[in-house]
C-alpha atoms as a PDB file:
ATOM      1  CA  MET A   1      85.336 118.700 134.615  1.00  0.00           C
ATOM      2  CA  VAL A   2      86.081 115.095 134.607  1.00  0.00           C
ATOM      3  CA  LEU A   3      84.202 112.178 133.291  1.00  0.00           C
ATOM      4  CA  ARG A   4      84.787 108.806 134.950  1.00  0.00           C
ATOM      5  CA  ILE A   5      84.016 105.590 133.235  1.00  0.00           C
ATOM      6  CA  GLU A   6      83.816 102.849 135.733  1.00  0.00           C
ATOM      7  CA  VAL A   7      85.458  99.668 134.441  1.00  0.00           C
ATOM      8  CA  GLY A   8      84.575  96.388 136.192  1.00  0.00           C
ATOM      9  CA  ASN A   9      86.345  92.886 135.813  1.00  0.00           C
ATOM     10  CA  GLU A  10      84.060  91.831 133.007  1.00  0.00           C
ATOM     11  CA  ASP A  11      84.716  94.954 131.129  1.00  0.00           C
ATOM     12  CA  LEU A  12      88.455  94.445 131.399  1.00  0.00           C
ATOM     13  CA  THR A  13      88.106  90.867 129.913  1.00  0.00           C
ATOM     14  CA  MET A  14      85.947  92.357 127.015  1.00  0.00           C
ATOM     15  CA  SER A  15      87.979  95.325 126.164  1.00  0.00           C
ATOM     16  CA  ARG A  16      90.342  95.237 123.236  1.00  0.00           C
ATOM     17  CA  PHE A  17      92.004  97.301 120.416  1.00  0.00           C
ATOM     18  CA  ALA A  18      90.935  97.582 116.900  1.00  0.00           C
ATOM     19  CA  VAL A  19      91.405  99.643 113.717  1.00  0.00           C
ATOM     20  CA  SER A  20      88.754 101.388 111.873  1.00  0.00           C
ATOM     21  CA  PRO A  21      89.246 102.542 108.169  1.00  0.00           C
ATOM     22  CA  LEU A  22      85.777 103.996 107.956  1.00  0.00           C
ATOM     23  CA  TRP A  23      86.417 106.100 111.076  1.00  0.00           C
ATOM     24  CA  GLU A  24      89.590 107.601 109.460  1.00  0.00           C
ATOM     25  CA  LEU A  25      87.555 108.174 106.241  1.00  0.00           C
ATOM     26  CA  THR A  26      84.713 110.108 107.993  1.00  0.00           C
ATOM     27  CA  HIS A  27      87.138 112.184 109.994  1.00  0.00           C
ATOM     28  CA  ALA A  28      89.376 112.877 107.079  1.00  0.00           C
ATOM     29  CA  LEU A  29      86.218 114.089 105.290  1.00  0.00           C
ATOM     30  CA  ARG A  30      85.244 116.300 108.232  1.00  0.00           C
ATOM     31  CA  LEU A  31      88.639 117.993 108.432  1.00  0.00           C
ATOM     32  CA  LEU A  32      88.760 118.610 104.611  1.00  0.00           C
ATOM     33  CA  GLY A  33      85.089 119.792 104.579  1.00  0.00           C
ATOM     34  CA  SER A  34      85.684 122.355 107.464  1.00  0.00           C
ATOM     35  CA  PRO A  35      86.197 126.096 106.521  1.00  0.00           C
ATOM     36  CA  PRO A  36      89.974 126.957 106.039  1.00  0.00           C
ATOM     37  CA  GLY A  37      91.480 127.449 109.524  1.00  0.00           C
ATOM     38  CA  GLN A  38      88.733 126.030 111.555  1.00  0.00           C
ATOM     39  CA  ARG A  39      90.494 122.758 111.982  1.00  0.00           C
ATOM     40  CA  ASP A  40      94.111 123.985 111.299  1.00  0.00           C
ATOM     41  CA  VAL A  41      95.978 121.129 113.052  1.00  0.00           C
ATOM     42  CA  ALA A  42      99.752 121.570 112.431  1.00  0.00           C
ATOM     43  CA  LEU A  43     100.482 117.901 112.508  1.00  0.00           C
ATOM     44  CA  LEU A  44      98.019 117.203 109.885  1.00  0.00           C
ATOM     45  CA  ARG A  45      98.459 120.101 107.614  1.00  0.00           C
ATOM     46  CA  PRO A  46     100.948 118.171 105.284  1.00  0.00           C
ATOM     47  CA  TRP A  47      98.239 115.759 104.412  1.00  0.00           C
ATOM     48  CA  LEU A  48      95.587 118.324 104.275  1.00  0.00           C
ATOM     49  CA  LEU A  49      97.287 120.141 101.628  1.00  0.00           C
ATOM     50  CA  ARG A  50      98.236 117.058  99.760  1.00  0.00           C
ATOM     51  CA  ALA A  51      94.771 115.823  99.875  1.00  0.00           C
ATOM     52  CA  ARG A  52      93.192 119.139  98.870  1.00  0.00           C
ATOM     53  CA  ASP A  53      92.919 118.787  95.151  1.00  0.00           C
ATOM     54  CA  ARG A  54      91.604 115.139  95.417  1.00  0.00           C
ATOM     55  CA  TYR A  55      88.977 116.286  97.866  1.00  0.00           C
ATOM     56  CA  GLN A  56      87.767 119.277  95.543  1.00  0.00           C
ATOM     57  CA  ALA A  57      87.568 116.652  92.693  1.00  0.00           C
ATOM     58  CA  LEU A  58      85.621 114.245  94.831  1.00  0.00           C
ATOM     59  CA  ALA A  59      83.198 116.993  96.017  1.00  0.00           C
ATOM     60  CA  GLY A  60      82.383 117.617  92.331  1.00  0.00           C
ATOM     61  CA  ALA A  61      81.850 113.985  91.624  1.00  0.00           C
ATOM     62  CA  ALA A  62      80.120 112.653  94.737  1.00  0.00           C
ATOM     63  CA  ASP A  63      77.241 113.908  97.202  1.00  0.00           C
ATOM     64  CA  ILE A  64      79.762 114.631  99.915  1.00  0.00           C
ATOM     65  CA  GLY A  65      77.503 117.139 101.499  1.00  0.00           C
ATOM     66  CA  VAL A  66      75.164 114.259 102.645  1.00  0.00           C
ATOM     67  CA  ILE A  67      78.129 112.990 104.846  1.00  0.00           C
ATOM     68  CA  LEU A  68      79.048 116.302 106.163  1.00  0.00           C
ATOM     69  CA  ALA A  69      75.440 116.974 107.118  1.00  0.00           C
ATOM     70  CA  LEU A  70      75.642 113.886 109.619  1.00  0.00           C
ATOM     71  CA  MET A  71      78.820 115.452 111.060  1.00  0.00           C
ATOM     72  CA  PRO A  72      77.619 118.782 112.986  1.00  0.00           C
ATOM     73  CA  PRO A  73      80.153 120.373 115.462  1.00  0.00           C
ATOM     74  CA  SER A  74      81.543 118.123 118.197  1.00  0.00           C
ATOM     75  CA  TRP A  75      79.000 115.368 117.192  1.00  0.00           C
ATOM     76  CA  GLY A  76      78.576 112.683 114.489  1.00  0.00           C
ATOM     77  CA  ALA A  77      76.119 110.073 113.649  1.00  0.00           C
ATOM     78  CA  ASP A  78      77.380 106.654 115.020  1.00  0.00           C
ATOM     79  CA  PHE A  79      76.095 104.651 111.988  1.00  0.00           C
ATOM     80  CA  LEU A  80      78.432 106.533 109.636  1.00  0.00           C
ATOM     81  CA  ALA A  81      81.417 104.536 111.186  1.00  0.00           C
ATOM     82  CA  PRO A  82      80.242 101.044 112.782  1.00  0.00           C
ATOM     83  CA  ILE A  83      82.478  99.751 115.536  1.00  0.00           C
ATOM     84  CA  PRO A  84      85.045  97.309 113.899  1.00  0.00           C
ATOM     85  CA  VAL A  85      85.366  93.854 115.141  1.00  0.00           C
ATOM     86  CA  SER A  86      89.054  93.590 114.935  1.00  0.00           C
ATOM     87  CA  VAL A  87      92.290  94.840 113.575  1.00  0.00           C
ATOM     88  CA  GLN A  88      91.608  93.155 110.427  1.00  0.00           C
ATOM     89  CA  THR A  89      88.050  94.460 109.831  1.00  0.00           C
ATOM     90  CA  THR A  90      87.997  95.730 106.238  1.00  0.00           C
ATOM     91  CA  ILE A  91      86.400  98.830 104.769  1.00  0.00           C
ATOM     92  CA  GLY A  92      84.097  96.560 102.724  1.00  0.00           C
ATOM     93  CA  GLU A  93      82.793  94.902 105.830  1.00  0.00           C
ATOM     94  CA  LEU A  94      82.131  98.247 107.581  1.00  0.00           C
ATOM     95  CA  LEU A  95      80.264  99.507 104.576  1.00  0.00           C
ATOM     96  CA  ASP A  96      77.975  96.577 104.709  1.00  0.00           C
ATOM     97  CA  GLN A  97      77.357  97.374 108.165  1.00  0.00           C
ATOM     98  CA  VAL A  98      76.327 100.897 107.313  1.00  0.00           C
ATOM     99  CA  ARG A  99      73.908  99.628 104.512  1.00  0.00           C
ATOM    100  CA  SER A 100      72.319  97.080 107.068  1.00  0.00           C
ATOM    101  CA  THR A 101      71.766  99.727 109.836  1.00  0.00           C
ATOM    102  CA  PRO A 102      68.115  99.476 111.083  1.00  0.00           C
ATOM    103  CA  PRO A 103      65.975 102.068 109.558  1.00  0.00           C
ATOM    104  CA  GLY A 104      64.673 103.126 112.928  1.00  0.00           C
ATOM    105  CA  GLN A 105      68.193 103.699 114.015  1.00  0.00           C
ATOM    106  CA  VAL A 106      69.066 105.724 110.985  1.00  0.00           C
ATOM    107  CA  ARG A 107      66.141 107.948 111.490  1.00  0.00           C
ATOM    108  CA  LEU A 108      66.943 108.646 115.197  1.00  0.00           C
ATOM    109  CA  GLU A 109      70.571 109.555 114.437  1.00  0.00           C
ATOM    110  CA  VAL A 110      69.650 111.596 111.223  1.00  0.00           C
ATOM    111  CA  ALA A 111      67.219 113.629 113.109  1.00  0.00           C
ATOM    112  CA  GLU A 112      69.728 114.424 115.980  1.00  0.00           C
ATOM    113  CA  ALA A 113      72.486 115.404 113.340  1.00  0.00           C
ATOM    114  CA  LEU A 114      70.016 117.902 111.527  1.00  0.00           C
ATOM    115  CA  ARG A 115      68.849 119.187 114.850  1.00  0.00           C
ATOM    116  CA  ARG A 116      72.482 120.135 115.610  1.00  0.00           C
ATOM    117  CA  GLN A 117      73.346 121.511 112.377  1.00  0.00           C
ATOM    118  CA  PRO A 118      73.249 125.303 112.144  1.00  0.00           C
ATOM    119  CA  GLU A 119      72.258 124.975 108.403  1.00  0.00           C
ATOM    120  CA  VAL A 120      71.186 122.091 106.385  1.00  0.00           C
ATOM    121  CA  ASP A 121      71.003 121.951 102.563  1.00  0.00           C
ATOM    122  CA  PRO A 122      67.395 120.839 101.764  1.00  0.00           C
ATOM    123  CA  ARG A 123      68.391 118.435  99.117  1.00  0.00           C
ATOM    124  CA  ALA A 124      70.827 116.685 101.624  1.00  0.00           C
ATOM    125  CA  GLU A 125      67.764 116.688 104.049  1.00  0.00           C
ATOM    126  CA  ARG A 126      65.422 115.041 101.711  1.00  0.00           C
ATOM    127  CA  ILE A 127      67.999 112.473 101.056  1.00  0.00           C
ATOM    128  CA  LEU A 128      68.720 111.594 104.621  1.00  0.00           C
ATOM    129  CA  THR A 129      65.164 111.537 105.624  1.00  0.00           C
ATOM    130  CA  GLY A 130      64.323 109.232 102.839  1.00  0.00           C
ATOM    131  CA  ASP A 131      63.809 105.454 102.930  1.00  0.00           C
ATOM    132  CA  ARG A 132      67.309 104.440 101.287  1.00  0.00           C
ATOM    133  CA  ALA A 133      69.521 106.967 103.529  1.00  0.00           C
ATOM    134  CA  ALA A 134      71.780 104.226 104.780  1.00  0.00           C
ATOM    135  CA  GLY A 135      72.479 102.784 101.458  1.00  0.00           C
ATOM    136  CA  TYR A 136      73.076 106.172  99.839  1.00  0.00           C
ATOM    137  CA  VAL A 137      75.572 107.200 102.513  1.00  0.00           C
ATOM    138  CA  ALA A 138      77.300 103.785 102.026  1.00  0.00           C
ATOM    139  CA  ASP A 139      77.672 104.475  98.390  1.00  0.00           C
ATOM    140  CA  VAL A 140      79.045 108.136  98.747  1.00  0.00           C
ATOM    141  CA  LEU A 141      81.506 106.816 101.383  1.00  0.00           C
ATOM    142  CA  ALA A 142      82.681 103.943  99.085  1.00  0.00           C
ATOM    143  CA  VAL A 143      83.397 106.620  96.429  1.00  0.00           C
ATOM    144  CA  ALA A 144      85.154 108.785  98.996  1.00  0.00           C
ATOM    145  CA  TRP A 145      87.515 105.839 100.228  1.00  0.00           C
ATOM    146  CA  GLU A 146      88.601 105.091  96.598  1.00  0.00           C
ATOM    147  CA  ALA A 147      89.446 108.840  96.094  1.00  0.00           C
ATOM    148  CA  LEU A 148      90.976 109.846  99.355  1.00  0.00           C
ATOM    149  CA  LEU A 149      92.295 106.983 101.656  1.00  0.00           C
ATOM    150  CA  GLU A 150      92.708 103.954  99.607  1.00  0.00           C
ATOM    151  CA  PRO A 151      95.870 105.170  97.713  1.00  0.00           C
ATOM    152  CA  GLU A 152      97.474 105.775 101.131  1.00  0.00           C
ATOM    153  CA  TRP A 153      95.838 102.994 103.353  1.00  0.00           C
ATOM    154  CA  ARG A 154      98.773 100.746 103.487  1.00  0.00           C
ATOM    155  CA  ALA A 155     101.004 103.468 105.122  1.00  0.00           C
ATOM    156  CA  LEU A 156      98.226 104.659 107.406  1.00  0.00           C
ATOM    157  CA  ARG A 157      97.410 101.089 108.508  1.00  0.00           C
ATOM    158  CA  ALA A 158     100.905 100.532 109.375  1.00  0.00           C
ATOM    159  CA  ILE A 159     100.976 103.487 111.787  1.00  0.00           C
ATOM    160  CA  LEU A 160      97.694 102.219 113.259  1.00  0.00           C
ATOM    161  CA  GLU A 161      98.792  98.615 113.835  1.00  0.00           C
ATOM    162  CA  ARG A 162     102.165  99.738 115.294  1.00  0.00           C
ATOM    163  CA  ASP A 163     100.212 101.712 117.886  1.00  0.00           C
ATOM    164  CA  VAL A 164      97.909  98.560 118.736  1.00  0.00           C
ATOM    165  CA  VAL A 165     100.985  96.229 118.867  1.00  0.00           C
ATOM    166  CA  HIS A 166     102.635  98.771 121.405  1.00  0.00           C
ATOM    167  CA  ARG A 167      99.504  99.056 123.409  1.00  0.00           C
ATOM    168  CA  ALA A 168      98.811  95.372 123.504  1.00  0.00           C
ATOM    169  CA  GLY A 169     102.346  94.644 124.650  1.00  0.00           C
ATOM    170  CA  GLN A 170     102.029  97.112 127.355  1.00  0.00           C
ATOM    171  CA  LEU A 171      98.619  95.726 128.360  1.00  0.00           C
ATOM    172  CA  ALA A 172      99.870  92.069 128.253  1.00  0.00           C
ATOM    173  CA  ALA A 173     103.151  92.834 130.299  1.00  0.00           C
ATOM    174  CA  LYS A 174     102.163  95.522 132.742  1.00  0.00           C
ATOM    175  CA  GLY A 175      98.364  95.980 132.814  1.00  0.00           C
ATOM    176  CA  TRP A 176      95.907  98.754 131.867  1.00  0.00           C
ATOM    177  CA  ALA A 177      97.501 101.454 133.626  1.00  0.00           C
ATOM    178  CA  ALA A 178     100.773 100.915 131.595  1.00  0.00           C
ATOM    179  CA  ALA A 179      98.643 100.346 128.478  1.00  0.00           C
ATOM    180  CA  LEU A 180      96.806 103.657 128.773  1.00  0.00           C
ATOM    181  CA  ASP A 181      99.858 105.730 129.979  1.00  0.00           C
ATOM    182  CA  GLY A 182     100.505 108.311 127.401  1.00  0.00           C
ATOM    183  CA  LEU A 183      97.480 107.547 125.315  1.00  0.00           C
ATOM    184  CA  HIS A 184      96.321 111.054 125.788  1.00  0.00           C
ATOM    185  CA  ASP A 185      97.193 114.065 128.204  1.00  0.00           C
ATOM    186  CA  ASP A 186      93.329 114.264 129.228  1.00  0.00           C
ATOM    187  CA  LEU A 187      92.939 110.494 130.071  1.00  0.00           C
ATOM    188  CA  ALA A 188      94.287 108.366 132.965  1.00  0.00           C
ATOM    189  CA  TRP A 189      93.565 105.068 134.783  1.00  0.00           C
ATOM    190  CA  ARG A 190      92.696 105.531 138.338  1.00  0.00           C
ATOM    191  CA  GLN A 191      91.393 103.117 140.947  1.00  0.00           C
ATOM    192  CA  GLY A 192      89.553 100.572 138.576  1.00  0.00           C
ATOM    193  CA  GLY A 193      88.280 103.297 136.277  1.00  0.00           C
ATOM    194  CA  ILE A 194      89.160 105.711 133.269  1.00  0.00           C
ATOM    195  CA  GLU A 195      89.084 109.446 133.975  1.00  0.00           C
ATOM    196  CA  LEU A 196      88.703 111.989 130.973  1.00  0.00           C
ATOM    197  CA  THR A 197      89.501 115.522 132.146  1.00  0.00           C
ATOM    198  CA  ARG A 198      88.034 118.579 130.381  1.00  0.00           C
ATOM    199  CA  TRP A 199      85.028 116.531 129.224  1.00  0.00           C
ATOM    200  CA  SER A 200      81.397 117.448 129.242  1.00  0.00           C
ATOM    201  CA  PRO A 201      79.047 116.519 130.686  1.00  0.00           C
ATOM    202  CA  ALA A 202      81.162 115.892 133.754  1.00  0.00           C
ATOM    203  CA  GLU A 203      79.191 112.733 135.029  1.00  0.00           C
ATOM    204  CA  ASN A 204      80.056 109.025 135.762  1.00  0.00           C
ATOM    205  CA  ALA A 205      79.377 106.406 133.219  1.00  0.00           C
ATOM    206  CA  GLY A 206      79.538 102.647 133.337  1.00  0.00           C
ATOM    207  CA  LEU A 207      80.288  99.979 130.649  1.00  0.00           C
ATOM    208  CA  GLY A 208      77.763  97.474 132.004  1.00  0.00           C
ATOM    209  CA  GLY A 209      80.067  94.493 131.143  1.00  0.00           C
ATOM    210  CA  ARG A 210      80.359  95.444 127.461  1.00  0.00           C
ATOM    211  CA  GLY A 211      83.878  96.379 127.654  1.00  0.00           C
ATOM    212  CA  LEU A 212      85.671  99.292 125.883  1.00  0.00           C
ATOM    213  CA  LEU A 213      87.059  99.349 122.276  1.00  0.00           C
ATOM    214  CA  PHE A 214      90.083 101.284 121.921  1.00  0.00           C
ATOM    215  CA  ILE A 215      90.532 102.569 118.410  1.00  0.00           C
ATOM    216  CA  PRO A 216      93.887 104.596 117.486  1.00  0.00           C
ATOM    217  CA  SER A 217      93.208 107.148 114.731  1.00  0.00           C
ATOM    218  CA  VAL A 218      95.664 109.332 112.553  1.00  0.00           C
ATOM    219  CA  PHE A 219      92.897 112.078 111.973  1.00  0.00           C
ATOM    220  CA  VAL A 220      91.651 112.550 115.605  1.00  0.00           C
ATOM    221  CA  TRP A 221      94.515 114.746 116.462  1.00  0.00           C
ATOM    222  CA  PRO A 222      94.927 116.389 118.870  1.00  0.00           C
ATOM    223  CA  GLY A 223      91.490 115.342 120.636  1.00  0.00           C
ATOM    224  CA  LEU A 224      89.612 112.164 121.703  1.00  0.00           C
ATOM    225  CA  ALA A 225      86.318 110.868 120.538  1.00  0.00           C
ATOM    226  CA  LEU A 226      83.979 108.555 122.790  1.00  0.00           C
ATOM    227  CA  SER A 227      80.852 106.761 122.015  1.00  0.00           C
ATOM    228  CA  LEU A 228      78.960 105.235 124.769  1.00  0.00           C
ATOM    229  CA  ASP A 229      75.287 105.222 123.528  1.00  0.00           C
ATOM    230  CA  PRO A 230      73.634 101.950 122.863  1.00  0.00           C
ATOM    231  CA  PRO A 231      73.021 100.110 120.671  1.00  0.00           C
ATOM    232  CA  TRP A 232      76.631 100.616 119.625  1.00  0.00           C
ATOM    233  CA  PRO A 233      79.684  99.048 121.664  1.00  0.00           C
ATOM    234  CA  PRO A 234      81.361 101.478 123.697  1.00  0.00           C
ATOM    235  CA  ALA A 235      84.564 102.943 121.866  1.00  0.00           C
ATOM    236  CA  LEU A 236      87.258 105.276 122.527  1.00  0.00           C
ATOM    237  CA  ILE A 237      89.141 106.982 119.722  1.00  0.00           C
ATOM    238  CA  TYR A 238      92.493 108.184 120.576  1.00  0.00           C
ATOM    239  CA  PRO A 239      95.577 109.785 118.670  1.00  0.00           C
ATOM    240  CA  ALA A 240      97.742 107.008 117.322  1.00  0.00           C
ATOM    241  CA  ARG A 241     101.512 107.462 118.026  1.00  0.00           C
ATOM    242  CA  GLY A 242     104.052 108.144 115.265  1.00  0.00           C
ATOM    243  CA  VAL A 243     101.874 110.383 113.033  1.00  0.00           C
ATOM    244  CA  ALA A 244     104.554 112.844 112.526  1.00  0.00           C
ATOM    245  CA  ALA A 245     106.800 110.455 110.818  1.00  0.00           C
ATOM    246  CA  LEU A 246     104.047 109.476 108.381  1.00  0.00           C
ATOM    247  CA  TRP A 247     103.225 113.006 107.051  1.00  0.00           C
ATOM    248  CA  GLU A 248     106.554 114.556 107.287  1.00  0.00           C
ATOM    249  CA  ARG A 249     108.535 112.033 105.531  1.00  0.00           C
ATOM    250  CA  PRO A 250     112.109 113.219 105.179  1.00  0.00           C
ATOM    251  CA  ALA A 251     113.306 114.110 101.836  1.00  0.00           C
ATOM    252  CA  GLY A 252     116.178 112.003  99.998  1.00  0.00           C
ATOM    253  CA  PRO A 253     119.730 112.969 100.344  1.00  0.00           C
ATOM    254  CA  ALA A 254     119.559 114.933  96.985  1.00  0.00           C
ATOM    255  CA  GLY A 255     119.353 118.636  98.000  1.00  0.00           C
ATOM    256  CA  SER A 256     118.614 117.840 101.766  1.00  0.00           C
ATOM    257  CA  SER A 257     120.069 120.320 104.189  1.00  0.00           C
ATOM    258  CA  ARG A 258     119.122 118.531 107.406  1.00  0.00           C
ATOM    259  CA  ALA A 259     122.343 117.392 109.324  1.00  0.00           C
ATOM    260  CA  LEU A 260     120.827 113.731 109.972  1.00  0.00           C
ATOM    261  CA  HIS A 261     120.365 113.220 106.353  1.00  0.00           C
ATOM    262  CA  ARG A 262     123.609 114.241 105.325  1.00  0.00           C
ATOM    263  CA  LEU A 263     125.305 111.818 108.148  1.00  0.00           C
ATOM    264  CA  LEU A 264     123.241 108.833 107.365  1.00  0.00           C
ATOM    265  CA  GLY A 265     121.464 109.258 104.036  1.00  0.00           C
ATOM    266  CA  GLY A 266     117.891 110.153 103.309  1.00  0.00           C
ATOM    267  CA  SER A 267     116.620 106.610 103.606  1.00  0.00           C
ATOM    268  CA  ARG A 268     118.316 105.568 106.830  1.00  0.00           C
ATOM    269  CA  ALA A 269     117.584 109.114 108.403  1.00  0.00           C
ATOM    270  CA  ALA A 270     113.727 108.280 107.463  1.00  0.00           C
ATOM    271  CA  ILE A 271     113.910 105.091 109.189  1.00  0.00           C
ATOM    272  CA  LEU A 272     115.546 106.279 112.381  1.00  0.00           C
ATOM    273  CA  LEU A 273     112.840 109.088 112.573  1.00  0.00           C
ATOM    274  CA  ALA A 274     110.009 106.601 111.887  1.00  0.00           C
ATOM    275  CA  LEU A 275     111.227 104.314 114.791  1.00  0.00           C
ATOM    276  CA  GLU A 276     109.462 106.680 117.269  1.00  0.00           C
ATOM    277  CA  ASP A 277     107.806 103.570 118.350  1.00  0.00           C
ATOM    278  CA  PRO A 278     109.056  99.905 117.815  1.00  0.00           C
ATOM    279  CA  ALA A 279     108.059  98.512 114.363  1.00  0.00           C
ATOM    280  CA  SER A 280     108.779  95.629 112.162  1.00  0.00           C
ATOM    281  CA  THR A 281     110.464  95.571 108.735  1.00  0.00           C
ATOM    282  CA  SER A 282     107.212  95.283 106.857  1.00  0.00           C
ATOM    283  CA  GLN A 283     105.600  98.037 108.928  1.00  0.00           C
ATOM    284  CA  LEU A 284     108.405 100.412 107.947  1.00  0.00           C
ATOM    285  CA  ALA A 285     108.259  99.487 104.488  1.00  0.00           C
ATOM    286  CA  ALA A 286     104.750 100.394 104.495  1.00  0.00           C
ATOM    287  CA  THR A 287     105.110 103.564 106.257  1.00  0.00           C
ATOM    288  CA  LEU A 288     107.911 104.987 104.258  1.00  0.00           C
ATOM    289  CA  GLY A 289     107.218 103.360 100.858  1.00  0.00           C
ATOM    290  CA  GLN A 290     110.587 101.524 100.632  1.00  0.00           C
ATOM    291  CA  SER A 291     111.233  98.001  99.494  1.00  0.00           C
ATOM    292  CA  LEU A 292     111.485  95.202 102.148  1.00  0.00           C
ATOM    293  CA  GLY A 293     115.005  94.470 100.960  1.00  0.00           C
ATOM    294  CA  GLY A 294     116.014  98.010 101.159  1.00  0.00           C
ATOM    295  CA  ILE A 295     114.529  98.564 104.554  1.00  0.00           C
ATOM    296  CA  GLY A 296     116.375  95.503 105.674  1.00  0.00           C
ATOM    297  CA  ASP A 297     119.732  96.517 104.381  1.00  0.00           C
ATOM    298  CA  HIS A 298     119.390  99.911 106.024  1.00  0.00           C
ATOM    299  CA  LEU A 299     118.343  98.413 109.368  1.00  0.00           C
ATOM    300  CA  ALA A 300     121.383  96.236 109.285  1.00  0.00           C
ATOM    301  CA  VAL A 301     123.640  99.179 109.031  1.00  0.00           C
ATOM    302  CA  LEU A 302     121.859 101.265 111.514  1.00  0.00           C
ATOM    303  CA  ARG A 303     122.081  98.209 114.075  1.00  0.00           C
ATOM    304  CA  MET A 304     125.746  97.824 113.462  1.00  0.00           C
ATOM    305  CA  ALA A 305     126.128 101.481 114.114  1.00  0.00           C
ATOM    306  CA  GLY A 306     124.545 101.241 117.632  1.00  0.00           C
ATOM    307  CA  LEU A 307     121.476 103.353 116.681  1.00  0.00           C
ATOM    308  CA  ILE A 308     118.711 100.681 116.844  1.00  0.00           C
ATOM    309  CA  SER A 309     118.340  97.239 118.415  1.00  0.00           C
ATOM    310  CA  ARG A 310     115.915  94.561 117.829  1.00  0.00           C
ATOM    311  CA  ALA A 311     113.931  92.074 119.858  1.00  0.00           C
ATOM    312  CA  ARG A 312     111.117  89.353 119.117  1.00  0.00           C
ATOM    313  CA  SER A 313     107.759  90.262 119.990  1.00  0.00           C
ATOM    314  CA  GLY A 314     105.340  87.195 119.335  1.00  0.00           C
ATOM    315  CA  ARG A 315     105.785  86.241 115.775  1.00  0.00           C
ATOM    316  CA  SER A 316     107.465  89.617 114.822  1.00  0.00           C
ATOM    317  CA  VAL A 317     110.979  91.041 115.250  1.00  0.00           C
ATOM    318  CA  LEU A 318     110.491  94.684 116.234  1.00  0.00           C
ATOM    319  CA  TYR A 319     113.243  97.232 115.846  1.00  0.00           C
ATOM    320  CA  ARG A 320     113.646 100.307 118.185  1.00  0.00           C
ATOM    321  CA  ARG A 321     115.964 103.167 118.629  1.00  0.00           C
ATOM    322  CA  THR A 322     118.739 102.931 121.174  1.00  0.00           C
ATOM    323  CA  ALA A 323     119.630 105.901 123.505  1.00  0.00           C
ATOM    324  CA  THR A 324     122.234 107.169 120.951  1.00  0.00           C
ATOM    325  CA  GLY A 325     119.409 106.765 118.180  1.00  0.00           C
ATOM    326  CA  ASP A 326     117.132 108.686 120.362  1.00  0.00           C
ATOM    327  CA  ALA A 327     119.544 111.403 120.900  1.00  0.00           C
ATOM    328  CA  LEU A 328     120.238 111.870 117.132  1.00  0.00           C
ATOM    329  CA  ALA A 329     116.515 111.883 116.319  1.00  0.00           C
ATOM    330  CA  ALA A 330     115.811 114.550 118.941  1.00  0.00           C
ATOM    331  CA  ALA A 331     118.690 116.671 117.706  1.00  0.00           C
ATOM    332  CA  GLU A 332     117.292 116.484 114.167  1.00  0.00           C
ATOM    333  CA  LEU A 333     113.685 117.287 115.245  1.00  0.00           C
ATOM    334  CA  ARG A 334     114.673 120.168 117.455  1.00  0.00           C
ATOM    335  CA  PRO A 335     113.423 123.505 116.158  1.00  0.00           C
ATOM    336  CA  GLY A 336     116.066 125.795 114.621  1.00  0.00           C
END
């Protein structure tokens, strides 16, 4: 089945890319709160294992069940993760939006979530159907943010911003077809519209001049999420590029048996593998947890060796792998 989203000229003008820390948080909670094996995404497994103890401590200290009640299978209450205005939208701004959700909208979405849930804890239902539901939900999300994602947000944000920079560059240089190319196997730009395969219901939809917000996500792997229902702005959440480099950081040279590590050293190997997409010095430092000075020194060596190149993009200097660098990285990541 195919869902086609008709995109008019006004929609093209209004469409943009953004980053949502609150979307990342709610989807991370969904993953961690699922029964073992139900959402066993291989690419995310390193983080899920690393965050398991933090999540268990959080579940004992905060009312996470109230949040999970709003996320039944294949659906989620939209007011949990308001649409961000831009790449710079902060978690505090988004939590304020949750608190200020109109009560009527909260009641509608809570009722739909509870209707879709196979089973609901009576206490969570009392809280969610009460007058302070939005404020209570925002308070729980604030505690969850501090425990789960705030310690790693610098690295997460770097991955998401790199994806936005890449897509925006493709859009400016080659148009929407190029910007959406490779965004997801189930998505394509065809004849003035976006087509999503394997999507239900299979019917056409229009944006009505509101445009579409594209939001990269670390935790949506391997799928897509789409929100078209008013009063919220239309949004498409898609898997960010380069997530594997974030979770599977190569070990240092000590005790490492990987050939690329032995050849280049652990830090330089990590940089080369992380350059799956072009990145700036500061983005690499955030992603890999290395100092700016150290990253700069390693980039200079890799560039002299012909493994990477650099080019200016707006105000930033972006580094990318050369064909030789790609070949080395591919050999390192090849199974066996």
